[in-house]
Amino acid sequence: MSFFSSAVFWGIVIILVGVSIILREVFHVHFPFLRVFFGILLIYWGVKMIAGGFIRSSGDNNVVFNESSIADDGSKREYNAVFGRTTVDLFKMQIPERDEKLEMNVVFGSGKVIINDSIPIRIKMTSVFGNIHSPDRNNSGFGSSYYTTAAYKTGSPCVNMEMNAVFGNIEVTSRKW
């Protein structure tokens, strides 16, 4: 069901029209509720275009204006949270036979990643007005830093993970097998 055909949408429109009429007729206050409402509606459409649509499936690797928990099945290589919260469980990930790349982006949201310390993983953590917390360091504000698991060895196959937090927060939790 579309947001624009929902009872919430039409309830908000009717309430705004009613409040506008009462304020204008009783209190002689001329506040442009409908203009403000349509301005908010334009912002809503803009965010929808930027985010590529509102994806509300918890099984998907994109979370927008929602909350989800995602378990790795080996097919997803990019995880995104925009104005939402997600937990990505990579604990049961297979040890890579060749270099693999994963990416996690959080924009105005929150993310949690659970990794296995016995899998060779190298994480590049980049934040812009955000925070990325790993077991051994905290990357806040602007900048990049790296985190590696205990199984990581330079030159051997590993999972290269890139984490980006823009006005958001990511927490990396490492557990042993």
Protein backbone atom coordinates (compact mmCIF):
# COMPACT_ATOMS: atom_id res chain seq x y z
CA MET A 1 0.00 0.00 0.00
CA SER A 2 1.36 3.40 -0.96
CA PHE A 3 1.96 6.05 1.68
CA PHE A 4 -0.18 8.51 -0.28
CA SER A 5 -3.21 6.21 -0.22
CA SER A 6 -2.85 5.39 3.47
CA ALA A 7 -5.09 6.62 6.26
CA VAL A 8 -2.11 8.31 7.94
CA PHE A 9 -1.43 10.54 4.94
CA TRP A 10 -5.04 11.64 4.51
CA GLY A 11 -5.47 12.04 8.26
CA ILE A 12 -2.52 14.45 8.37
CA VAL A 13 -3.91 16.42 5.40
CA ILE A 14 -7.36 16.75 7.02
CA ILE A 15 -5.89 17.74 10.40
CA LEU A 16 -3.68 20.41 8.79
CA VAL A 17 -6.63 21.86 6.85
CA GLY A 18 -8.76 21.87 10.02
CA VAL A 19 -6.07 23.51 12.16
CA SER A 20 -5.47 26.08 9.42
CA ILE A 21 -9.18 27.01 9.29
CA ILE A 22 -9.46 27.29 13.10
CA LEU A 23 -6.32 29.43 13.39
CA ARG A 24 -7.44 31.73 10.57
CA GLU A 25 -11.09 32.15 11.60
CA VAL A 26 -10.86 32.10 15.41
CA PHE A 27 -7.40 33.44 16.20
CA HIS A 28 -6.78 35.48 13.01
CA VAL A 29 -3.45 33.76 12.51
CA HIS A 30 -2.55 33.13 8.91
CA PHE A 31 -0.07 30.26 8.96
CA PRO A 32 0.45 28.55 5.59
CA PHE A 33 -0.02 24.93 6.74
CA LEU A 34 -0.67 23.63 3.25
CA ARG A 35 2.45 25.32 1.89
CA VAL A 36 4.52 23.84 4.72
CA PHE A 37 2.92 20.45 4.13
CA PHE A 38 3.73 20.54 0.42
CA GLY A 39 7.28 21.66 1.23
CA ILE A 40 7.68 18.63 3.50
CA LEU A 41 6.16 16.48 0.77
CA LEU A 42 8.79 17.74 -1.71
CA ILE A 43 11.55 16.96 0.78
CA TYR A 44 10.06 13.45 1.19
CA TRP A 45 10.13 12.90 -2.58
CA GLY A 46 13.71 14.19 -2.79
CA VAL A 47 14.93 11.83 -0.08
CA LYS A 48 13.06 9.01 -1.83
CA MET A 49 14.86 9.77 -5.12
CA ILE A 50 18.26 9.97 -3.43
CA ALA A 51 17.72 6.72 -1.57
CA GLY A 52 16.38 4.93 -4.64
CA GLY A 53 12.94 4.35 -3.21
CA PHE A 54 11.71 3.25 0.16
CA ILE A 55 12.85 -0.26 0.72
CA ARG A 56 11.19 -1.79 3.76
CA SER A 57 12.11 -5.42 3.40
CA SER A 58 14.11 -6.80 6.31
CA GLY A 59 15.62 -9.50 4.07
CA ASP A 60 17.09 -6.95 1.69
CA ASN A 61 20.54 -5.42 2.09
CA ASN A 62 19.18 -1.84 1.93
CA VAL A 63 17.34 -0.30 4.86
CA VAL A 64 15.65 3.08 4.47
CA PHE A 65 13.47 4.60 7.20
CA ASN A 66 13.27 1.18 8.83
CA GLU A 67 15.06 -1.32 11.04
CA SER A 68 16.35 -4.75 10.04
CA SER A 69 18.68 -7.58 10.87
CA ILE A 70 20.59 -9.23 8.00
CA ALA A 71 22.49 -12.51 8.11
CA ASP A 72 25.21 -13.08 5.52
CA ASP A 73 24.38 -15.70 2.90
CA GLY A 74 27.37 -15.05 0.66
CA SER A 75 25.40 -13.27 -2.08
CA LYS A 76 25.27 -9.73 -0.69
CA ARG A 77 28.34 -7.55 -0.94
CA GLU A 78 26.90 -4.14 -0.08
CA TYR A 79 24.79 -3.11 2.91
CA ASN A 80 23.18 0.33 3.22
CA ALA A 81 21.23 2.06 5.98
CA VAL A 82 19.71 5.47 5.24
CA PHE A 83 17.68 7.04 8.05
CA GLY A 84 17.44 3.54 9.51
CA ARG A 85 19.06 0.94 11.71
CA THR A 86 20.54 -2.36 10.63
CA THR A 87 22.47 -5.25 12.10
CA VAL A 88 24.61 -7.28 9.70
CA ASP A 89 25.71 -10.67 11.02
CA LEU A 90 28.84 -11.83 9.19
CA PHE A 91 29.85 -14.30 11.91
CA LYS A 92 29.13 -17.43 9.84
CA MET A 93 30.90 -16.09 6.75
CA GLN A 94 33.16 -18.59 4.97
CA ILE A 95 36.93 -18.14 4.99
CA PRO A 96 37.73 -16.60 1.60
CA GLU A 97 39.77 -18.49 -0.97
CA ARG A 98 40.56 -15.22 -2.79
CA ASP A 99 40.22 -11.55 -1.89
CA GLU A 100 36.62 -10.44 -1.47
CA LYS A 101 35.16 -6.98 -1.07
CA LEU A 102 32.28 -5.92 1.18
CA GLU A 103 30.87 -2.46 1.74
CA MET A 104 28.65 -0.94 4.42
CA ASN A 105 27.29 2.60 4.21
CA VAL A 106 25.30 4.35 6.94
CA VAL A 107 23.81 7.77 6.27
CA PHE A 108 21.84 9.45 9.06
CA GLY A 109 21.39 6.06 10.68
CA SER A 110 22.92 3.35 12.78
CA GLY A 111 24.59 0.06 11.91
CA LYS A 112 26.07 -2.87 13.75
CA VAL A 113 28.35 -5.47 12.16
CA ILE A 114 29.17 -8.77 13.84
CA ILE A 115 32.36 -10.38 12.51
CA ASN A 116 34.26 -13.57 13.25
CA ASP A 117 37.78 -12.99 14.58
CA SER A 118 39.00 -16.26 12.98
CA ILE A 119 38.19 -14.99 9.45
CA PRO A 120 40.83 -12.72 7.87
CA ILE A 121 39.10 -9.34 7.56
CA ARG A 122 40.60 -5.90 6.94
CA ILE A 123 38.20 -3.01 7.53
CA LYS A 124 38.75 0.51 6.24
CA MET A 125 36.61 2.80 8.42
CA THR A 126 35.79 6.25 7.02
CA SER A 127 33.59 8.74 8.82
CA VAL A 128 32.27 12.17 7.91
CA PHE A 129 30.45 13.75 10.85
CA GLY A 130 29.95 10.18 12.03
CA ASN A 131 31.33 7.55 14.33
CA ILE A 132 32.70 4.06 13.70
CA HIS A 133 33.59 2.03 16.76
CA SER A 134 35.69 -1.12 16.39
CA PRO A 135 37.04 -3.37 19.16
CA ASP A 136 40.40 -1.57 19.27
CA ARG A 137 39.66 1.99 18.14
CA ASN A 138 37.07 4.67 17.60
CA ASN A 139 36.95 6.74 14.40
CA SER A 140 34.92 9.93 14.88
CA GLY A 141 34.39 13.13 12.96
CA PHE A 142 36.46 13.13 9.77
CA GLY A 143 39.01 10.63 8.61
CA SER A 144 39.89 7.03 7.97
CA SER A 145 41.47 4.24 9.94
CA TYR A 146 41.89 0.47 9.65
CA TYR A 147 40.94 -2.52 11.77
CA THR A 148 42.06 -6.10 11.16
CA THR A 149 40.99 -9.35 12.79
CA ALA A 150 43.48 -11.64 14.50
CA ALA A 151 43.41 -14.05 11.51
CA TYR A 152 44.43 -11.35 9.00
CA LYS A 153 47.86 -11.81 7.41
CA THR A 154 49.25 -9.43 4.80
CA GLY A 155 49.35 -11.04 1.36
CA SER A 156 46.94 -13.89 2.11
CA PRO A 157 43.30 -13.95 0.88
CA CYS A 158 41.04 -11.81 3.02
CA VAL A 159 37.77 -9.92 3.12
CA ASN A 160 38.38 -6.23 2.43
CA MET A 161 35.52 -4.35 4.02
CA GLU A 162 34.87 -0.67 3.55
CA MET A 163 32.68 1.10 6.11
CA ASN A 164 31.40 4.62 5.59
CA ALA A 165 29.46 6.57 8.20
CA VAL A 166 28.04 9.92 7.13
CA PHE A 167 26.15 11.60 9.98
CA GLY A 168 25.72 8.07 11.30
CA ASN A 169 27.10 5.46 13.65
CA ILE A 170 28.56 1.99 12.99
CA GLU A 171 29.61 -0.46 15.68
CA VAL A 172 31.89 -3.40 14.85
CA THR A 173 31.67 -6.38 17.19
CA SER A 174 34.23 -9.15 16.87
CA ARG A 175 33.62 -12.59 18.38
CA LYS A 176 35.70 -15.76 18.37
CA TRP A 177 34.48 -18.95 16.73
